[in-house]
C-alpha atoms as a PDB file:
ATOM      1  CA  MET A   1      -9.460  11.443  -1.061  1.00  0.00           C
ATOM      2  CA  ARG A   2      -5.976  12.269   0.252  1.00  0.00           C
ATOM      3  CA  ARG A   3      -3.284   9.630  -0.151  1.00  0.00           C
ATOM      4  CA  PRO A   4       0.393  10.008   0.753  1.00  0.00           C
ATOM      5  CA  VAL A   5       2.747   8.257  -1.672  1.00  0.00           C
ATOM      6  CA  VAL A   6       6.340   7.446  -0.705  1.00  0.00           C
ATOM      7  CA  THR A   7       8.529   7.404  -3.812  1.00  0.00           C
ATOM      8  CA  ASP A   8      12.026   6.889  -2.387  1.00  0.00           C
ATOM      9  CA  ILE A   9      13.698   5.843   0.872  1.00  0.00           C
ATOM     10  CA  VAL A  10      17.458   6.265   1.252  1.00  0.00           C
ATOM     11  CA  ALA A  11      19.547   5.648   4.366  1.00  0.00           C
ATOM     12  CA  ARG A  12      23.039   7.044   4.839  1.00  0.00           C
ATOM     13  CA  ASP A  13      25.630   5.060   6.761  1.00  0.00           C
ATOM     14  CA  ARG A  14      28.434   6.539   8.901  1.00  0.00           C
ATOM     15  CA  ASP A  15      30.631   6.893   5.773  1.00  0.00           C
ATOM     16  CA  ASN A  16      27.790   8.771   4.023  1.00  0.00           C
ATOM     17  CA  ASP A  17      27.225   5.883   1.577  1.00  0.00           C
ATOM     18  CA  LYS A  18      23.697   5.456   0.217  1.00  0.00           C
ATOM     19  CA  ILE A  19      21.607   2.460   1.200  1.00  0.00           C
ATOM     20  CA  THR A  20      18.445   2.337  -0.894  1.00  0.00           C
ATOM     21  CA  LEU A  21      15.563   0.784   1.012  1.00  0.00           C
ATOM     22  CA  ASP A  22      12.696  -0.918  -0.770  1.00  0.00           C
ATOM     23  CA  GLN A  23       9.302  -0.094   0.717  1.00  0.00           C
ATOM     24  CA  LYS A  24       8.030  -3.606   0.019  1.00  0.00           C
ATOM     25  CA  TYR A  25      10.368  -4.862   2.788  1.00  0.00           C
ATOM     26  CA  GLN A  26       9.095  -2.319   5.330  1.00  0.00           C
ATOM     27  CA  TYR A  27       8.062  -5.053   7.763  1.00  0.00           C
ATOM     28  CA  TYR A  28      11.467  -6.797   7.594  1.00  0.00           C
ATOM     29  CA  ILE A  29      13.717  -3.758   8.077  1.00  0.00           C
ATOM     30  CA  PHE A  30      14.309  -2.547  11.645  1.00  0.00           C
ATOM     31  CA  ILE A  31      16.092   0.374  13.267  1.00  0.00           C
ATOM     32  CA  LYS A  32      17.633   0.058  16.708  1.00  0.00           C
ATOM     33  CA  HIS A  33      17.951   3.551  18.174  1.00  0.00           C
ATOM     34  CA  ALA A  34      20.680   4.732  20.574  1.00  0.00           C
ATOM     35  CA  ASP A  35      18.270   4.392  23.529  1.00  0.00           C
ATOM     36  CA  GLY A  36      17.642   0.719  22.647  1.00  0.00           C
ATOM     37  CA  LYS A  37      14.189   1.298  21.162  1.00  0.00           C
ATOM     38  CA  ILE A  38      13.522  -0.787  18.043  1.00  0.00           C
ATOM     39  CA  THR A  39      11.186   0.426  15.311  1.00  0.00           C
ATOM     40  CA  SER A  40      10.345  -1.026  11.936  1.00  0.00           C
ATOM     41  CA  LEU A  41      10.742   0.817   8.659  1.00  0.00           C
ATOM     42  CA  PHE A  42       6.943   0.706   8.521  1.00  0.00           C
ATOM     43  CA  ASP A  43       6.780   2.851  11.689  1.00  0.00           C
ATOM     44  CA  GLU A  44       9.204   5.358  10.165  1.00  0.00           C
ATOM     45  CA  ILE A  45       7.178   5.510   6.940  1.00  0.00           C
ATOM     46  CA  MET A  46       3.987   6.161   8.909  1.00  0.00           C
ATOM     47  CA  VAL A  47       5.639   9.203  10.553  1.00  0.00           C
ATOM     48  CA  PHE A  48       6.553  10.486   7.093  1.00  0.00           C
ATOM     49  CA  ASN A  49       3.029   9.792   5.803  1.00  0.00           C
ATOM     50  CA  LYS A  50       1.622  12.028   8.550  1.00  0.00           C
ATOM     51  CA  TYR A  51       4.055  14.737   7.447  1.00  0.00           C
ATOM     52  CA  LEU A  52       2.912  14.311   3.815  1.00  0.00           C
ATOM     53  CA  GLN A  53      -0.732  14.800   4.852  1.00  0.00           C
ATOM     54  CA  GLU A  54       0.163  18.416   5.758  1.00  0.00           C
ATOM     55  CA  GLN A  55       1.916  19.192   2.460  1.00  0.00           C
ATOM     56  CA  VAL A  56       0.739  20.820  -0.765  1.00  0.00           C
ATOM     57  CA  PRO A  57      -0.837  18.186  -3.053  1.00  0.00           C
ATOM     58  CA  SER A  58       1.185  16.852  -6.004  1.00  0.00           C
ATOM     59  CA  VAL A  59       4.439  18.501  -4.861  1.00  0.00           C
ATOM     60  CA  THR A  60       7.364  16.166  -4.218  1.00  0.00           C
ATOM     61  CA  VAL A  61       8.992  16.716  -0.828  1.00  0.00           C
ATOM     62  CA  SER A  62      11.865  15.093   1.037  1.00  0.00           C
ATOM     63  CA  ARG A  63      12.458  14.876   4.735  1.00  0.00           C
ATOM     64  CA  GLU A  64      15.621  13.676   6.414  1.00  0.00           C
ATOM     65  CA  TYR A  65      15.490  11.970   9.806  1.00  0.00           C
ATOM     66  CA  HIS A  66      18.796  11.991  11.743  1.00  0.00           C
ATOM     67  CA  TYR A  67      19.882   9.229  14.096  1.00  0.00           C
ATOM     68  CA  GLU A  68      22.672   8.981  16.637  1.00  0.00           C
ATOM     69  CA  GLN A  69      24.330   5.575  16.792  1.00  0.00           C
ATOM     70  CA  ALA A  70      21.436   3.772  15.176  1.00  0.00           C
ATOM     71  CA  LEU A  71      21.649   0.325  13.639  1.00  0.00           C
ATOM     72  CA  LEU A  72      19.740  -0.588  10.495  1.00  0.00           C
ATOM     73  CA  TYR A  73      18.811  -4.265  10.311  1.00  0.00           C
ATOM     74  CA  LEU A  74      18.150  -5.472   6.765  1.00  0.00           C
ATOM     75  CA  PRO A  75      17.184  -9.085   6.045  1.00  0.00           C
ATOM     76  CA  SER A  76      20.749  -9.795   4.885  1.00  0.00           C
ATOM     77  CA  ASP A  77      22.880  -6.991   6.409  1.00  0.00           C
ATOM     78  CA  LEU A  78      23.480  -4.688   9.352  1.00  0.00           C
ATOM     79  CA  TYR A  79      24.527  -1.031   9.005  1.00  0.00           C
ATOM     80  CA  GLN A  80      25.323   1.809  11.358  1.00  0.00           C
ATOM     81  CA  ILE A  81      23.306   4.709   9.981  1.00  0.00           C
ATOM     82  CA  LYS A  82      23.180   8.426  10.566  1.00  0.00           C
ATOM     83  CA  SER A  83      20.021   9.313   8.604  1.00  0.00           C
ATOM     84  CA  ILE A  84      17.097   8.168   6.503  1.00  0.00           C
ATOM     85  CA  THR A  85      15.647  10.437   3.834  1.00  0.00           C
ATOM     86  CA  ASN A  86      12.102   9.827   2.643  1.00  0.00           C
ATOM     87  CA  THR A  87      10.764  11.366  -0.548  1.00  0.00           C
ATOM     88  CA  GLY A  88       7.126  11.432  -1.546  1.00  0.00           C
ATOM     89  CA  LEU A  89       4.054  13.485  -2.349  1.00  0.00           C
ATOM     90  CA  LEU A  90       0.438  13.892  -1.374  1.00  0.00           C
ATOM     91  CA  MET A  91      -2.027  12.736  -4.001  1.00  0.00           C
ATOM     92  CA  VAL A  92      -5.525  14.211  -3.831  1.00  0.00           C
ATOM     93  CA  LYS A  93      -8.434  12.791  -5.807  1.00  0.00           C
ATOM     94  CA  ASP A  94     -11.937  14.204  -5.959  1.00  0.00           C
ATOM     95  CA  THR A  95     -14.324  11.399  -5.056  1.00  0.00           C
ATOM     96  CA  THR A  96     -17.521  13.419  -5.043  1.00  0.00           C
ATOM     97  CA  GLU A  97     -18.694  11.897  -8.308  1.00  0.00           C
ATOM     98  CA  SER A  98     -22.132  10.348  -8.372  1.00  0.00           C
ATOM     99  CA  LYS A  99     -22.408   6.896  -9.791  1.00  0.00           C
ATOM    100  CA  LEU A 100     -25.640   5.368 -11.005  1.00  0.00           C
ATOM    101  CA  PHE A 101     -26.170   1.696 -11.573  1.00  0.00           C
ATOM    102  CA  SER A 102     -29.223   0.263 -13.226  1.00  0.00           C
ATOM    103  CA  ILE A 103     -29.783  -3.427 -13.625  1.00  0.00           C
ATOM    104  CA  VAL A 104     -31.752  -4.230 -16.749  1.00  0.00           C
ATOM    105  CA  ASP A 105     -30.603  -7.786 -17.265  1.00  0.00           C
ATOM    106  CA  ARG A 106     -33.269 -10.463 -17.387  1.00  0.00           C
ATOM    107  CA  VAL A 107     -32.977 -14.218 -17.274  1.00  0.00           C
ATOM    108  CA  TRP A 108     -32.709 -15.562 -20.793  1.00  0.00           C
ATOM    109  CA  LEU A 109     -32.011 -19.231 -20.168  1.00  0.00           C
ATOM    110  CA  VAL A 110     -31.951 -21.640 -17.239  1.00  0.00           C
ATOM    111  CA  MET A 111     -29.661 -24.671 -17.475  1.00  0.00           C
ATOM    112  CA  GLU A 112     -29.717 -27.591 -15.086  1.00  0.00           C
ATOM    113  CA  LYS A 113     -27.114 -30.270 -14.532  1.00  0.00           C
ATOM    114  CA  ILE A 114     -29.374 -33.120 -13.525  1.00  0.00           C
ATOM    115  CA  PHE A 115     -26.791 -35.480 -12.050  1.00  0.00           C
ATOM    116  CA  GLU A 116     -24.813 -32.859 -10.078  1.00  0.00           C
ATOM    117  CA  GLN A 117     -28.000 -31.036  -9.030  1.00  0.00           C
ATOM    118  CA  GLN A 118     -26.678 -27.630 -10.089  1.00  0.00           C
ATOM    119  CA  THR A 119     -28.649 -24.838 -11.720  1.00  0.00           C
ATOM    120  CA  PHE A 120     -27.229 -22.035 -13.859  1.00  0.00           C
ATOM    121  CA  VAL A 121     -28.954 -18.873 -15.033  1.00  0.00           C
ATOM    122  CA  VAL A 122     -27.822 -17.236 -18.266  1.00  0.00           C
ATOM    123  CA  SER A 123     -28.838 -13.608 -18.748  1.00  0.00           C
ATOM    124  CA  GLU A 124     -29.508 -11.816 -22.024  1.00  0.00           C
ATOM    125  CA  ALA A 125     -26.070 -10.217 -21.725  1.00  0.00           C
ATOM    126  CA  GLY A 126     -24.464 -13.663 -21.530  1.00  0.00           C
ATOM    127  CA  ILE A 127     -23.623 -13.614 -17.838  1.00  0.00           C
ATOM    128  CA  ILE A 128     -23.742 -17.097 -16.289  1.00  0.00           C
ATOM    129  CA  VAL A 129     -24.498 -17.423 -12.570  1.00  0.00           C
ATOM    130  CA  GLN A 130     -24.800 -20.596 -10.525  1.00  0.00           C
ATOM    131  CA  THR A 131     -27.917 -20.533  -8.326  1.00  0.00           C
ATOM    132  CA  ASP A 132     -29.679 -22.782  -5.901  1.00  0.00           C
ATOM    133  CA  LYS A 133     -32.814 -24.665  -6.892  1.00  0.00           C
ATOM    134  CA  ASN A 134     -35.152 -22.141  -5.280  1.00  0.00           C
ATOM    135  CA  PHE A 135     -34.288 -19.037  -7.266  1.00  0.00           C
END
C-alpha cells in the first residue's frame, strides 16, 4: 500500500514572508492564478501527492511551486503570493499478510424483554447482540 503524506505546506508572499497553511483547511483556501483560474489548496495538494507517488519511500522531499501574481484566499485573509512549498514523503506498507478469522462463539444465554418485544443473545465470551424473534 502506497500512501503519500504531506507534512508541511508553506506559502511565501511578495515580501518573502512565510504563511503556514494548515492542511485541514484545504477546502477553504483558494488560489487565484494570474490567468484568472481559481484552484483550491486541495487541488494543489493532489498535484504534490502525484509527485510523491514517484519518490523513494520514507524519504522526505520538498517541492516549490512558483506563481506569478497569484492571490491566496484564506478564510480570514488575502495575500499576494509568489510560491507554495509542500513537504512530504511516500509511506509504503506491505499488506500481503494473510489474516484468518475463526468464529467459535456459541450462544450461552437468550434474554427476552417481554413488554418491549426485544430479544438479546449473550455468547460465552460475553458479547451481547440484539436479535429479532426468529433467530
